[in-house]
Amino acid sequence: MNFFIASNETVNLNVNKCSIKQSLYDIKKMTSVTKDYEKKTRVYLSTTFSSPYENVSHQKAIELATLLVDDGVDEVAFVDSGGMATPYKVKLFLEDLLVKIPKERCSMQFYNTSGCAISNIFTTLSYGVQRFVTANGGFGGCIPSEDLISFLHKLEIGTGVNELKLLAATKYISAQQIEEVSSNLLPTKKHL
């Protein structure tokens, strides 16, 4: 089961239509139900590194993540919603985060808005966090799945993913979309 919360009130109010406090309460309540059915839970914690509305310290994201894990959430996905993370910010964040939450309970979702997503992933890997949220073709601005898999294979990190099948799936999805792929491994529609 996936749940969503933002690390600042303005975004949380806009997306979840309630306060952070209410979101935490709702997630805790739903997490207890999912445990009854032996389902895993993941919370996407947006605006971990930036917010268009207000300054957010990464300490706020860590504080919220700690509360979520204490309430029984299995994994927290830290989302760089604005794509403003840099390897240095990621380093500082992970040094503080991993003192409080085990790396096995963390995943990262990077957007490539400022061109740092792969560098941020490389930095994250150096801290032992090995789970990433991606999107085929980079639809929605997220790092493209095929770019990440190719990068990991070049680092000789096994993924169990067949790159050719992944590319074929992304090509199929791309053909159904109006939006252009942002993958470095696939041509855009105007180049086909």
C-alpha atoms as a PDB file:
ATOM      1  CA  MET A   1       0.000   0.000   0.000  1.00  0.00           C
ATOM      2  CA  ASN A   2       1.313   3.426  -0.900  1.00  0.00           C
ATOM      3  CA  PHE A   3       0.557   6.621   0.982  1.00  0.00           C
ATOM      4  CA  PHE A   4       1.561  10.217   0.327  1.00  0.00           C
ATOM      5  CA  ILE A   5       2.576  13.092   2.585  1.00  0.00           C
ATOM      6  CA  ALA A   6       4.555  16.300   2.077  1.00  0.00           C
ATOM      7  CA  SER A   7       7.182  17.696   4.409  1.00  0.00           C
ATOM      8  CA  ASN A   8       5.587  21.144   4.369  1.00  0.00           C
ATOM      9  CA  GLU A   9       2.068  22.241   5.180  1.00  0.00           C
ATOM     10  CA  THR A  10       1.309  24.158   1.983  1.00  0.00           C
ATOM     11  CA  VAL A  11       2.001  21.234  -0.348  1.00  0.00           C
ATOM     12  CA  ASN A  12       0.311  18.770   2.000  1.00  0.00           C
ATOM     13  CA  LEU A  13      -2.800  20.944   2.137  1.00  0.00           C
ATOM     14  CA  ASN A  14      -2.836  21.258  -1.665  1.00  0.00           C
ATOM     15  CA  VAL A  15      -2.274  17.569  -2.362  1.00  0.00           C
ATOM     16  CA  ASN A  16      -3.878  15.758   0.577  1.00  0.00           C
ATOM     17  CA  LYS A  17      -6.432  18.440   1.481  1.00  0.00           C
ATOM     18  CA  CYS A  18      -5.441  18.221   5.163  1.00  0.00           C
ATOM     19  CA  SER A  19      -2.665  19.142   7.581  1.00  0.00           C
ATOM     20  CA  ILE A  20       0.499  17.102   8.042  1.00  0.00           C
ATOM     21  CA  LYS A  21      -0.780  16.133  11.491  1.00  0.00           C
ATOM     22  CA  GLN A  22      -3.990  14.752   9.977  1.00  0.00           C
ATOM     23  CA  SER A  23      -2.050  12.924   7.247  1.00  0.00           C
ATOM     24  CA  LEU A  24       0.165  11.277   9.876  1.00  0.00           C
ATOM     25  CA  TYR A  25      -2.928  10.188  11.806  1.00  0.00           C
ATOM     26  CA  ASP A  26      -4.587   8.792   8.669  1.00  0.00           C
ATOM     27  CA  ILE A  27      -1.452   6.932   7.575  1.00  0.00           C
ATOM     28  CA  LYS A  28      -1.003   5.415  11.056  1.00  0.00           C
ATOM     29  CA  LYS A  29      -4.622   4.249  11.054  1.00  0.00           C
ATOM     30  CA  MET A  30      -4.376   2.747   7.544  1.00  0.00           C
ATOM     31  CA  THR A  31      -0.996   1.131   8.301  1.00  0.00           C
ATOM     32  CA  SER A  32      -2.504  -0.760  11.241  1.00  0.00           C
ATOM     33  CA  VAL A  33      -5.213  -2.109   8.911  1.00  0.00           C
ATOM     34  CA  THR A  34      -2.696  -3.167   6.237  1.00  0.00           C
ATOM     35  CA  LYS A  35      -0.710  -5.077   8.877  1.00  0.00           C
ATOM     36  CA  ASP A  36      -3.855  -7.092   9.641  1.00  0.00           C
ATOM     37  CA  TYR A  37      -3.781  -8.218   5.994  1.00  0.00           C
ATOM     38  CA  GLU A  38       0.014  -8.693   5.981  1.00  0.00           C
ATOM     39  CA  LYS A  39       0.492  -5.972   3.360  1.00  0.00           C
ATOM     40  CA  LYS A  40       3.637  -3.856   3.125  1.00  0.00           C
ATOM     41  CA  THR A  41       3.381  -0.087   3.296  1.00  0.00           C
ATOM     42  CA  ARG A  42       5.392   2.653   1.638  1.00  0.00           C
ATOM     43  CA  VAL A  43       4.985   6.370   2.209  1.00  0.00           C
ATOM     44  CA  TYR A  44       6.105   8.830  -0.449  1.00  0.00           C
ATOM     45  CA  LEU A  45       7.459  11.859   1.420  1.00  0.00           C
ATOM     46  CA  SER A  46       7.451  14.708  -1.085  1.00  0.00           C
ATOM     47  CA  THR A  47       9.366  17.987  -0.964  1.00  0.00           C
ATOM     48  CA  THR A  48      12.229  16.306   0.882  1.00  0.00           C
ATOM     49  CA  PHE A  49      14.806  18.663  -0.631  1.00  0.00           C
ATOM     50  CA  SER A  50      12.800  21.678  -1.701  1.00  0.00           C
ATOM     51  CA  SER A  51       9.394  23.269  -1.892  1.00  0.00           C
ATOM     52  CA  PRO A  52       8.069  25.947  -4.215  1.00  0.00           C
ATOM     53  CA  TYR A  53       6.102  27.466  -1.318  1.00  0.00           C
ATOM     54  CA  GLU A  54       8.368  27.558   1.705  1.00  0.00           C
ATOM     55  CA  ASN A  55      11.834  26.645   2.878  1.00  0.00           C
ATOM     56  CA  VAL A  56      11.965  23.121   4.249  1.00  0.00           C
ATOM     57  CA  SER A  57      14.911  21.768   6.186  1.00  0.00           C
ATOM     58  CA  HIS A  58      15.726  18.167   5.406  1.00  0.00           C
ATOM     59  CA  GLN A  59      15.474  17.683   9.165  1.00  0.00           C
ATOM     60  CA  LYS A  60      11.688  18.053   8.825  1.00  0.00           C
ATOM     61  CA  ALA A  61      11.590  15.166   6.348  1.00  0.00           C
ATOM     62  CA  ILE A  62      13.731  13.043   8.684  1.00  0.00           C
ATOM     63  CA  GLU A  63      11.484  13.896  11.638  1.00  0.00           C
ATOM     64  CA  LEU A  64       8.363  12.875   9.686  1.00  0.00           C
ATOM     65  CA  ALA A  65      10.009   9.717   8.369  1.00  0.00           C
ATOM     66  CA  THR A  66      11.019   8.702  11.890  1.00  0.00           C
ATOM     67  CA  LEU A  67       7.423   9.126  13.073  1.00  0.00           C
ATOM     68  CA  LEU A  68       6.158   7.084  10.113  1.00  0.00           C
ATOM     69  CA  VAL A  69       8.605   4.221  10.705  1.00  0.00           C
ATOM     70  CA  ASP A  70       7.804   4.266  14.435  1.00  0.00           C
ATOM     71  CA  ASP A  71       4.121   3.959  13.460  1.00  0.00           C
ATOM     72  CA  GLY A  72       4.820   0.805  11.458  1.00  0.00           C
ATOM     73  CA  VAL A  73       5.420   2.004   7.902  1.00  0.00           C
ATOM     74  CA  ASP A  74       7.743  -0.460   6.131  1.00  0.00           C
ATOM     75  CA  GLU A  75       9.478   1.957   3.751  1.00  0.00           C
ATOM     76  CA  VAL A  76       9.754   5.683   3.194  1.00  0.00           C
ATOM     77  CA  ALA A  77      10.427   6.977  -0.314  1.00  0.00           C
ATOM     78  CA  PHE A  78      12.070  10.399  -0.107  1.00  0.00           C
ATOM     79  CA  VAL A  79      10.934  12.430  -3.100  1.00  0.00           C
ATOM     80  CA  ASP A  80      12.922  15.278  -4.619  1.00  0.00           C
ATOM     81  CA  SER A  81       9.692  16.791  -5.934  1.00  0.00           C
ATOM     82  CA  GLY A  82      11.231  19.959  -7.327  1.00  0.00           C
ATOM     83  CA  GLY A  83      14.305  18.249  -8.747  1.00  0.00           C
ATOM     84  CA  MET A  84      16.496  20.601  -6.747  1.00  0.00           C
ATOM     85  CA  ALA A  85      18.627  18.039  -4.894  1.00  0.00           C
ATOM     86  CA  THR A  86      22.359  18.027  -5.522  1.00  0.00           C
ATOM     87  CA  PRO A  87      24.886  15.351  -4.586  1.00  0.00           C
ATOM     88  CA  TYR A  88      26.054  17.552  -1.708  1.00  0.00           C
ATOM     89  CA  LYS A  89      22.494  18.002  -0.372  1.00  0.00           C
ATOM     90  CA  VAL A  90      21.882  14.266  -0.736  1.00  0.00           C
ATOM     91  CA  LYS A  91      25.103  13.521   1.178  1.00  0.00           C
ATOM     92  CA  LEU A  92      24.130  15.812   4.066  1.00  0.00           C
ATOM     93  CA  PHE A  93      20.605  14.389   4.104  1.00  0.00           C
ATOM     94  CA  LEU A  94      21.709  10.738   4.136  1.00  0.00           C
ATOM     95  CA  GLU A  95      24.318  11.333   6.827  1.00  0.00           C
ATOM     96  CA  ASP A  96      21.560  12.649   9.102  1.00  0.00           C
ATOM     97  CA  LEU A  97      18.859  10.207   7.968  1.00  0.00           C
ATOM     98  CA  LEU A  98      20.743   6.929   8.277  1.00  0.00           C
ATOM     99  CA  VAL A  99      21.520   7.589  11.937  1.00  0.00           C
ATOM    100  CA  LYS A 100      17.760   7.335  12.600  1.00  0.00           C
ATOM    101  CA  ILE A 101      16.350   5.001   9.943  1.00  0.00           C
ATOM    102  CA  PRO A 102      17.964   1.838   8.500  1.00  0.00           C
ATOM    103  CA  LYS A 103      18.934   2.098   4.832  1.00  0.00           C
ATOM    104  CA  GLU A 104      16.813  -0.975   4.053  1.00  0.00           C
ATOM    105  CA  ARG A 105      13.695   1.029   4.935  1.00  0.00           C
ATOM    106  CA  CYS A 106      14.561   3.933   2.620  1.00  0.00           C
ATOM    107  CA  SER A 107      14.149   4.580  -1.070  1.00  0.00           C
ATOM    108  CA  MET A 108      14.753   7.696  -3.157  1.00  0.00           C
ATOM    109  CA  GLN A 109      12.864   9.306  -6.018  1.00  0.00           C
ATOM    110  CA  PHE A 110      14.813  11.883  -7.993  1.00  0.00           C
ATOM    111  CA  TYR A 111      13.552  14.209 -10.677  1.00  0.00           C
ATOM    112  CA  ASN A 112      15.999  15.384 -13.306  1.00  0.00           C
ATOM    113  CA  THR A 113      14.837  19.014 -13.403  1.00  0.00           C
ATOM    114  CA  SER A 114      18.315  20.387 -12.763  1.00  0.00           C
ATOM    115  CA  GLY A 115      20.189  17.486 -14.399  1.00  0.00           C
ATOM    116  CA  CYS A 116      21.506  15.942 -11.168  1.00  0.00           C
ATOM    117  CA  ALA A 117      19.370  12.791 -10.869  1.00  0.00           C
ATOM    118  CA  ILE A 118      22.045  10.247 -11.886  1.00  0.00           C
ATOM    119  CA  SER A 119      24.672  12.024  -9.744  1.00  0.00           C
ATOM    120  CA  ASN A 120      22.241  11.979  -6.828  1.00  0.00           C
ATOM    121  CA  ILE A 121      21.654   8.255  -7.341  1.00  0.00           C
ATOM    122  CA  PHE A 122      25.398   7.601  -7.397  1.00  0.00           C
ATOM    123  CA  THR A 123      25.758   9.515  -4.122  1.00  0.00           C
ATOM    124  CA  THR A 124      22.840   7.582  -2.615  1.00  0.00           C
ATOM    125  CA  LEU A 125      24.398   4.266  -3.612  1.00  0.00           C
ATOM    126  CA  SER A 126      27.609   5.212  -1.806  1.00  0.00           C
ATOM    127  CA  TYR A 127      25.553   5.310   1.420  1.00  0.00           C
ATOM    128  CA  GLY A 128      24.115   1.842   0.809  1.00  0.00           C
ATOM    129  CA  VAL A 129      20.566   2.877  -0.134  1.00  0.00           C
ATOM    130  CA  GLN A 130      19.659   0.719  -3.119  1.00  0.00           C
ATOM    131  CA  ARG A 131      15.980   1.365  -3.809  1.00  0.00           C
ATOM    132  CA  PHE A 132      14.850   3.975  -6.306  1.00  0.00           C
ATOM    133  CA  VAL A 133      11.497   5.038  -7.680  1.00  0.00           C
ATOM    134  CA  THR A 134      11.605   5.604 -11.449  1.00  0.00           C
ATOM    135  CA  ALA A 135       9.243   5.875 -14.404  1.00  0.00           C
ATOM    136  CA  ASN A 136       9.460   4.298 -17.833  1.00  0.00           C
ATOM    137  CA  GLY A 137      10.545   6.982 -20.285  1.00  0.00           C
ATOM    138  CA  GLY A 138      10.836   9.487 -17.448  1.00  0.00           C
ATOM    139  CA  PHE A 139       7.154  10.327 -17.789  1.00  0.00           C
ATOM    140  CA  GLY A 140       6.100  12.816 -15.152  1.00  0.00           C
ATOM    141  CA  GLY A 141       9.645  14.127 -14.755  1.00  0.00           C
ATOM    142  CA  CYS A 142      10.985  11.222 -12.718  1.00  0.00           C
ATOM    143  CA  ILE A 143      14.331   9.649 -13.631  1.00  0.00           C
ATOM    144  CA  PRO A 144      13.725   7.224 -16.530  1.00  0.00           C
ATOM    145  CA  SER A 145      13.786   3.559 -15.478  1.00  0.00           C
ATOM    146  CA  GLU A 146      15.866   2.550 -18.488  1.00  0.00           C
ATOM    147  CA  ASP A 147      18.496   5.238 -17.771  1.00  0.00           C
ATOM    148  CA  LEU A 148      18.845   4.030 -14.173  1.00  0.00           C
ATOM    149  CA  ILE A 149      19.041   0.341 -15.124  1.00  0.00           C
ATOM    150  CA  SER A 150      21.659   1.070 -17.795  1.00  0.00           C
ATOM    151  CA  PHE A 151      23.661   3.134 -15.297  1.00  0.00           C
ATOM    152  CA  LEU A 152      23.513   0.406 -12.638  1.00  0.00           C
ATOM    153  CA  HIS A 153      24.585  -2.249 -15.146  1.00  0.00           C
ATOM    154  CA  LYS A 154      27.539  -0.066 -16.189  1.00  0.00           C
ATOM    155  CA  LEU A 155      28.527   0.009 -12.505  1.00  0.00           C
ATOM    156  CA  GLU A 156      28.231  -3.809 -12.596  1.00  0.00           C
ATOM    157  CA  ILE A 157      25.363  -3.731 -10.104  1.00  0.00           C
ATOM    158  CA  GLY A 158      22.943  -6.564 -10.819  1.00  0.00           C
ATOM    159  CA  THR A 159      19.284  -5.611 -11.086  1.00  0.00           C
ATOM    160  CA  GLY A 160      17.572  -8.682 -12.499  1.00  0.00           C
ATOM    161  CA  VAL A 161      16.064  -6.412 -15.172  1.00  0.00           C
ATOM    162  CA  ASN A 162      16.388  -7.259 -18.863  1.00  0.00           C
ATOM    163  CA  GLU A 163      17.329  -3.944 -20.513  1.00  0.00           C
ATOM    164  CA  LEU A 164      16.017  -4.927 -23.943  1.00  0.00           C
ATOM    165  CA  LYS A 165      12.595  -5.870 -22.554  1.00  0.00           C
ATOM    166  CA  LEU A 166      12.500  -2.674 -20.497  1.00  0.00           C
ATOM    167  CA  LEU A 167      13.300  -0.576 -23.575  1.00  0.00           C
ATOM    168  CA  ALA A 168      10.630  -2.415 -25.576  1.00  0.00           C
ATOM    169  CA  ALA A 169       8.062  -1.736 -22.840  1.00  0.00           C
ATOM    170  CA  THR A 170       9.011   1.940 -22.718  1.00  0.00           C
ATOM    171  CA  LYS A 171       8.789   2.233 -26.518  1.00  0.00           C
ATOM    172  CA  TYR A 172       5.295   0.720 -26.370  1.00  0.00           C
ATOM    173  CA  ILE A 173       4.224   3.108 -23.576  1.00  0.00           C
ATOM    174  CA  SER A 174       5.769   6.050 -25.419  1.00  0.00           C
ATOM    175  CA  ALA A 175       3.777   5.270 -28.557  1.00  0.00           C
ATOM    176  CA  GLN A 176       0.565   5.607 -26.524  1.00  0.00           C
ATOM    177  CA  GLN A 177       1.535   8.966 -24.974  1.00  0.00           C
ATOM    178  CA  ILE A 178       1.481  12.537 -26.184  1.00  0.00           C
ATOM    179  CA  GLU A 179       4.239  13.501 -23.756  1.00  0.00           C
ATOM    180  CA  GLU A 180       7.825  12.989 -24.973  1.00  0.00           C
ATOM    181  CA  VAL A 181      10.146  10.533 -23.271  1.00  0.00           C
ATOM    182  CA  SER A 182      13.038  12.066 -21.367  1.00  0.00           C
ATOM    183  CA  SER A 183      15.145   8.919 -21.504  1.00  0.00           C
ATOM    184  CA  ASN A 184      18.658   9.251 -22.873  1.00  0.00           C
ATOM    185  CA  LEU A 185      18.331   5.769 -24.358  1.00  0.00           C
ATOM    186  CA  LEU A 186      15.272   6.338 -26.543  1.00  0.00           C
ATOM    187  CA  PRO A 187      14.660   8.764 -29.385  1.00  0.00           C
ATOM    188  CA  THR A 188      11.956  11.367 -28.925  1.00  0.00           C
ATOM    189  CA  LYS A 189       8.952  11.161 -31.259  1.00  0.00           C
ATOM    190  CA  LYS A 190      10.280  14.006 -33.373  1.00  0.00           C
ATOM    191  CA  HIS A 191      13.435  11.936 -34.004  1.00  0.00           C
ATOM    192  CA  LEU A 192      11.590   8.771 -35.073  1.00  0.00           C
END
